[in-house]
Amino acid sequence: MSEIEGLRVTPLRRIPDERGAVFHMLRNDSEVFESFGEIYFSTAIPGAIKGWHKHVEMTLNYAVPVGMIKLVCYDDREGSPTKGALSELFIGELNYVLVTIPPLVWNGFKAFGDQTALVANCATIPHRPDEIERLDPFSPTIPYDWSLKHG
């Protein structure tokens, strides 16, 4: 899959000890931090697709401390040097990272494995229904097949 301009993947720390673990996500002194709007959590059951959606103003900062997801992004921004690019990322317990998605980039995700995934988003602005656009996950507008791929 191709790189998308403005899409960033930042490794995150997990600090385990015999009591459990601390999962870092985002600090205000991080180079990817823009502003704080809200933090919310979303669960995704294995096989269910949450997407497509894009935000007009909001930058998303996703981390997955529980389970695994396939996160797919698509760039259809006019004038973008990566217009038409798709990015497929596998993030969660086995690849604990922060994914920063800029405004106007389509994205969606699907949990996989046998565990419900917990997705955290630290958004740059509070959610507003008027600044989000949605598409059916199987819309031909975005050239992506959500089915399981073998090999």
C-alpha atoms as a PDB file:
ATOM      1  CA  MET A   1       0.000   0.000   0.000  1.00  0.00           C
ATOM      2  CA  SER A   2       1.115   3.554  -0.688  1.00  0.00           C
ATOM      3  CA  GLU A   3       2.063   6.324   1.689  1.00  0.00           C
ATOM      4  CA  ILE A   4      -0.386   9.188   2.145  1.00  0.00           C
ATOM      5  CA  GLU A   5       0.812  12.750   2.651  1.00  0.00           C
ATOM      6  CA  GLY A   6       0.202  13.842   6.242  1.00  0.00           C
ATOM      7  CA  LEU A   7      -0.493  10.321   7.538  1.00  0.00           C
ATOM      8  CA  ARG A   8       1.939   9.569  10.367  1.00  0.00           C
ATOM      9  CA  VAL A   9       2.717   6.437  12.332  1.00  0.00           C
ATOM     10  CA  THR A  10       4.481   6.958  15.656  1.00  0.00           C
ATOM     11  CA  PRO A  11       5.723   4.021  17.776  1.00  0.00           C
ATOM     12  CA  LEU A  12       4.298   4.029  21.303  1.00  0.00           C
ATOM     13  CA  ARG A  13       5.618   2.681  24.579  1.00  0.00           C
ATOM     14  CA  ARG A  14       4.082  -0.054  26.685  1.00  0.00           C
ATOM     15  CA  ILE A  15       5.558  -0.334  30.142  1.00  0.00           C
ATOM     16  CA  PRO A  16       4.664  -3.685  31.715  1.00  0.00           C
ATOM     17  CA  ASP A  17       5.286  -4.854  35.238  1.00  0.00           C
ATOM     18  CA  GLU A  18       3.812  -7.590  37.425  1.00  0.00           C
ATOM     19  CA  ARG A  19       0.770  -5.413  38.211  1.00  0.00           C
ATOM     20  CA  GLY A  20      -0.199  -4.752  34.591  1.00  0.00           C
ATOM     21  CA  ALA A  21       0.995  -2.160  32.081  1.00  0.00           C
ATOM     22  CA  VAL A  22       0.962   1.512  31.168  1.00  0.00           C
ATOM     23  CA  PHE A  23       0.158   2.313  27.530  1.00  0.00           C
ATOM     24  CA  HIS A  24       1.399   5.703  26.348  1.00  0.00           C
ATOM     25  CA  MET A  25      -0.671   7.463  23.685  1.00  0.00           C
ATOM     26  CA  LEU A  26      -0.135  11.203  23.155  1.00  0.00           C
ATOM     27  CA  ARG A  27       1.510  14.059  25.034  1.00  0.00           C
ATOM     28  CA  ASN A  28       1.190  17.780  24.385  1.00  0.00           C
ATOM     29  CA  ASP A  29       4.975  17.974  23.812  1.00  0.00           C
ATOM     30  CA  SER A  30       4.896  15.342  21.031  1.00  0.00           C
ATOM     31  CA  GLU A  31       5.740  16.537  17.521  1.00  0.00           C
ATOM     32  CA  VAL A  32       2.415  15.125  16.256  1.00  0.00           C
ATOM     33  CA  PHE A  33       0.272  16.919  18.870  1.00  0.00           C
ATOM     34  CA  GLU A  34      -1.814  19.764  17.367  1.00  0.00           C
ATOM     35  CA  SER A  35      -4.558  20.544  19.863  1.00  0.00           C
ATOM     36  CA  PHE A  36      -6.993  18.834  22.198  1.00  0.00           C
ATOM     37  CA  GLY A  37     -10.643  18.563  21.284  1.00  0.00           C
ATOM     38  CA  GLU A  38     -11.818  15.327  22.881  1.00  0.00           C
ATOM     39  CA  ILE A  39     -10.817  11.759  23.617  1.00  0.00           C
ATOM     40  CA  TYR A  40     -13.206   8.930  22.965  1.00  0.00           C
ATOM     41  CA  PHE A  41     -13.067   5.149  22.796  1.00  0.00           C
ATOM     42  CA  SER A  42     -14.729   2.905  20.270  1.00  0.00           C
ATOM     43  CA  THR A  43     -15.068  -0.863  20.327  1.00  0.00           C
ATOM     44  CA  ALA A  44     -15.011  -2.961  17.201  1.00  0.00           C
ATOM     45  CA  ILE A  45     -16.109  -6.574  17.119  1.00  0.00           C
ATOM     46  CA  PRO A  46     -14.102  -8.932  14.882  1.00  0.00           C
ATOM     47  CA  GLY A  47     -15.166  -8.693  11.263  1.00  0.00           C
ATOM     48  CA  ALA A  48     -17.338  -5.584  11.641  1.00  0.00           C
ATOM     49  CA  ILE A  49     -16.276  -2.597   9.521  1.00  0.00           C
ATOM     50  CA  LYS A  50     -16.401   0.956  10.868  1.00  0.00           C
ATOM     51  CA  GLY A  51     -16.038   3.262   7.907  1.00  0.00           C
ATOM     52  CA  TRP A  52     -15.747   4.939   5.576  1.00  0.00           C
ATOM     53  CA  HIS A  53     -15.631   8.407   7.047  1.00  0.00           C
ATOM     54  CA  LYS A  54     -13.569  11.555   6.722  1.00  0.00           C
ATOM     55  CA  HIS A  55     -13.438  14.732   8.753  1.00  0.00           C
ATOM     56  CA  VAL A  56     -13.344  18.198   7.223  1.00  0.00           C
ATOM     57  CA  GLU A  57     -11.438  19.862  10.101  1.00  0.00           C
ATOM     58  CA  MET A  58     -10.529  17.186  12.638  1.00  0.00           C
ATOM     59  CA  THR A  59      -7.189  15.402  12.833  1.00  0.00           C
ATOM     60  CA  LEU A  60      -7.539  11.907  14.280  1.00  0.00           C
ATOM     61  CA  ASN A  61      -4.969  10.255  16.560  1.00  0.00           C
ATOM     62  CA  TYR A  62      -5.755   6.539  16.836  1.00  0.00           C
ATOM     63  CA  ALA A  63      -4.177   4.022  19.212  1.00  0.00           C
ATOM     64  CA  VAL A  64      -5.397   0.486  19.910  1.00  0.00           C
ATOM     65  CA  PRO A  65      -4.398  -0.795  23.363  1.00  0.00           C
ATOM     66  CA  VAL A  66      -6.655  -3.888  23.229  1.00  0.00           C
ATOM     67  CA  GLY A  67      -7.067  -6.222  20.257  1.00  0.00           C
ATOM     68  CA  MET A  68      -6.022  -5.607  16.663  1.00  0.00           C
ATOM     69  CA  ILE A  69      -7.510  -3.658  13.765  1.00  0.00           C
ATOM     70  CA  LYS A  70      -6.863  -3.238  10.086  1.00  0.00           C
ATOM     71  CA  LEU A  71      -6.950   0.542   9.529  1.00  0.00           C
ATOM     72  CA  VAL A  72      -7.320   1.654   5.928  1.00  0.00           C
ATOM     73  CA  CYS A  73      -6.912   5.221   4.686  1.00  0.00           C
ATOM     74  CA  TYR A  74      -7.637   6.626   1.235  1.00  0.00           C
ATOM     75  CA  ASP A  75      -6.546   9.994  -0.148  1.00  0.00           C
ATOM     76  CA  ASP A  76      -8.903  11.650  -2.626  1.00  0.00           C
ATOM     77  CA  ARG A  77      -7.903  15.219  -1.733  1.00  0.00           C
ATOM     78  CA  GLU A  78      -7.749  17.578  -4.702  1.00  0.00           C
ATOM     79  CA  GLY A  79      -4.185  18.795  -5.220  1.00  0.00           C
ATOM     80  CA  SER A  80      -2.654  16.171  -2.923  1.00  0.00           C
ATOM     81  CA  PRO A  81       0.579  14.653  -4.268  1.00  0.00           C
ATOM     82  CA  THR A  82      -0.694  11.285  -2.991  1.00  0.00           C
ATOM     83  CA  LYS A  83      -4.212  11.525  -4.438  1.00  0.00           C
ATOM     84  CA  GLY A  84      -5.495   8.014  -5.128  1.00  0.00           C
ATOM     85  CA  ALA A  85      -3.169   6.363  -2.575  1.00  0.00           C
ATOM     86  CA  LEU A  86      -4.376   3.714  -0.142  1.00  0.00           C
ATOM     87  CA  SER A  87      -2.674   2.858   3.145  1.00  0.00           C
ATOM     88  CA  GLU A  88      -3.405  -0.377   5.018  1.00  0.00           C
ATOM     89  CA  LEU A  89      -2.070  -0.579   8.582  1.00  0.00           C
ATOM     90  CA  PHE A  90      -2.346  -3.381  11.133  1.00  0.00           C
ATOM     91  CA  ILE A  91      -2.299  -1.800  14.573  1.00  0.00           C
ATOM     92  CA  GLY A  92      -2.979  -2.861  18.133  1.00  0.00           C
ATOM     93  CA  GLU A  93      -1.403  -5.087  20.737  1.00  0.00           C
ATOM     94  CA  LEU A  94       1.074  -6.608  18.270  1.00  0.00           C
ATOM     95  CA  ASN A  95       1.959  -3.253  16.708  1.00  0.00           C
ATOM     96  CA  TYR A  96       1.303  -0.554  19.300  1.00  0.00           C
ATOM     97  CA  VAL A  97       1.515   2.766  17.458  1.00  0.00           C
ATOM     98  CA  LEU A  98      -0.234   6.117  17.178  1.00  0.00           C
ATOM     99  CA  VAL A  99      -1.679   6.795  13.726  1.00  0.00           C
ATOM    100  CA  THR A 100      -2.309  10.456  12.936  1.00  0.00           C
ATOM    101  CA  ILE A 101      -4.821  10.975  10.120  1.00  0.00           C
ATOM    102  CA  PRO A 102      -5.117  14.485   8.675  1.00  0.00           C
ATOM    103  CA  PRO A 103      -8.437  16.092   7.731  1.00  0.00           C
ATOM    104  CA  LEU A 104     -10.083  15.064   4.444  1.00  0.00           C
ATOM    105  CA  VAL A 105      -8.503  11.581   4.361  1.00  0.00           C
ATOM    106  CA  TRP A 106     -11.050   8.764   4.209  1.00  0.00           C
ATOM    107  CA  ASN A 107     -10.552   6.071   6.829  1.00  0.00           C
ATOM    108  CA  GLY A 108     -12.171   2.977   8.232  1.00  0.00           C
ATOM    109  CA  PHE A 109     -11.178   0.012  10.331  1.00  0.00           C
ATOM    110  CA  LYS A 110     -12.048  -3.593  11.007  1.00  0.00           C
ATOM    111  CA  ALA A 111     -11.151  -5.660  14.069  1.00  0.00           C
ATOM    112  CA  PHE A 112      -9.659  -9.064  13.397  1.00  0.00           C
ATOM    113  CA  GLY A 113      -8.735 -12.112  15.406  1.00  0.00           C
ATOM    114  CA  ASP A 114     -11.054 -13.360  18.138  1.00  0.00           C
ATOM    115  CA  GLN A 115     -11.050 -10.318  20.408  1.00  0.00           C
ATOM    116  CA  THR A 116     -13.070  -7.097  20.413  1.00  0.00           C
ATOM    117  CA  ALA A 117     -10.673  -4.206  19.774  1.00  0.00           C
ATOM    118  CA  LEU A 118     -10.639  -1.010  21.802  1.00  0.00           C
ATOM    119  CA  VAL A 119      -9.754   2.025  19.669  1.00  0.00           C
ATOM    120  CA  ALA A 120      -8.811   5.312  21.356  1.00  0.00           C
ATOM    121  CA  ASN A 121      -8.988   8.590  19.442  1.00  0.00           C
ATOM    122  CA  CYS A 122      -7.525  11.858  20.684  1.00  0.00           C
ATOM    123  CA  ALA A 123      -9.199  14.281  18.274  1.00  0.00           C
ATOM    124  CA  THR A 124      -8.071  17.858  17.685  1.00  0.00           C
ATOM    125  CA  ILE A 125     -11.608  19.266  17.928  1.00  0.00           C
ATOM    126  CA  PRO A 126     -14.806  18.068  19.622  1.00  0.00           C
ATOM    127  CA  HIS A 127     -16.996  15.893  17.414  1.00  0.00           C
ATOM    128  CA  ARG A 128     -19.557  17.797  15.330  1.00  0.00           C
ATOM    129  CA  PRO A 129     -21.926  15.983  12.969  1.00  0.00           C
ATOM    130  CA  ASP A 130     -21.573  18.769  10.369  1.00  0.00           C
ATOM    131  CA  GLU A 131     -17.845  18.208   9.829  1.00  0.00           C
ATOM    132  CA  ILE A 132     -17.894  14.488   9.042  1.00  0.00           C
ATOM    133  CA  GLU A 133     -18.726  12.738   5.765  1.00  0.00           C
ATOM    134  CA  ARG A 134     -19.601   9.046   5.530  1.00  0.00           C
ATOM    135  CA  LEU A 135     -19.644   6.359   2.853  1.00  0.00           C
ATOM    136  CA  ASP A 136     -20.799   2.746   2.890  1.00  0.00           C
ATOM    137  CA  PRO A 137     -17.777   0.459   3.545  1.00  0.00           C
ATOM    138  CA  PHE A 138     -18.413  -1.284   0.221  1.00  0.00           C
ATOM    139  CA  SER A 139     -18.809   1.889  -1.839  1.00  0.00           C
ATOM    140  CA  PRO A 140     -17.035   1.650  -5.217  1.00  0.00           C
ATOM    141  CA  THR A 141     -15.891   5.262  -4.649  1.00  0.00           C
ATOM    142  CA  ILE A 142     -12.950   3.874  -2.648  1.00  0.00           C
ATOM    143  CA  PRO A 143     -11.044   1.076  -4.408  1.00  0.00           C
ATOM    144  CA  TYR A 144     -10.611  -1.275  -1.443  1.00  0.00           C
ATOM    145  CA  ASP A 145     -11.754  -4.824  -0.702  1.00  0.00           C
ATOM    146  CA  TRP A 146     -12.307  -5.463   3.030  1.00  0.00           C
ATOM    147  CA  SER A 147     -12.258  -9.262   2.693  1.00  0.00           C
ATOM    148  CA  LEU A 148      -9.623 -11.419   4.384  1.00  0.00           C
ATOM    149  CA  LYS A 149      -6.483 -11.754   2.296  1.00  0.00           C
ATOM    150  CA  HIS A 150      -4.400 -14.936   2.361  1.00  0.00           C
ATOM    151  CA  GLY A 151      -0.745 -14.641   1.403  1.00  0.00           C
END
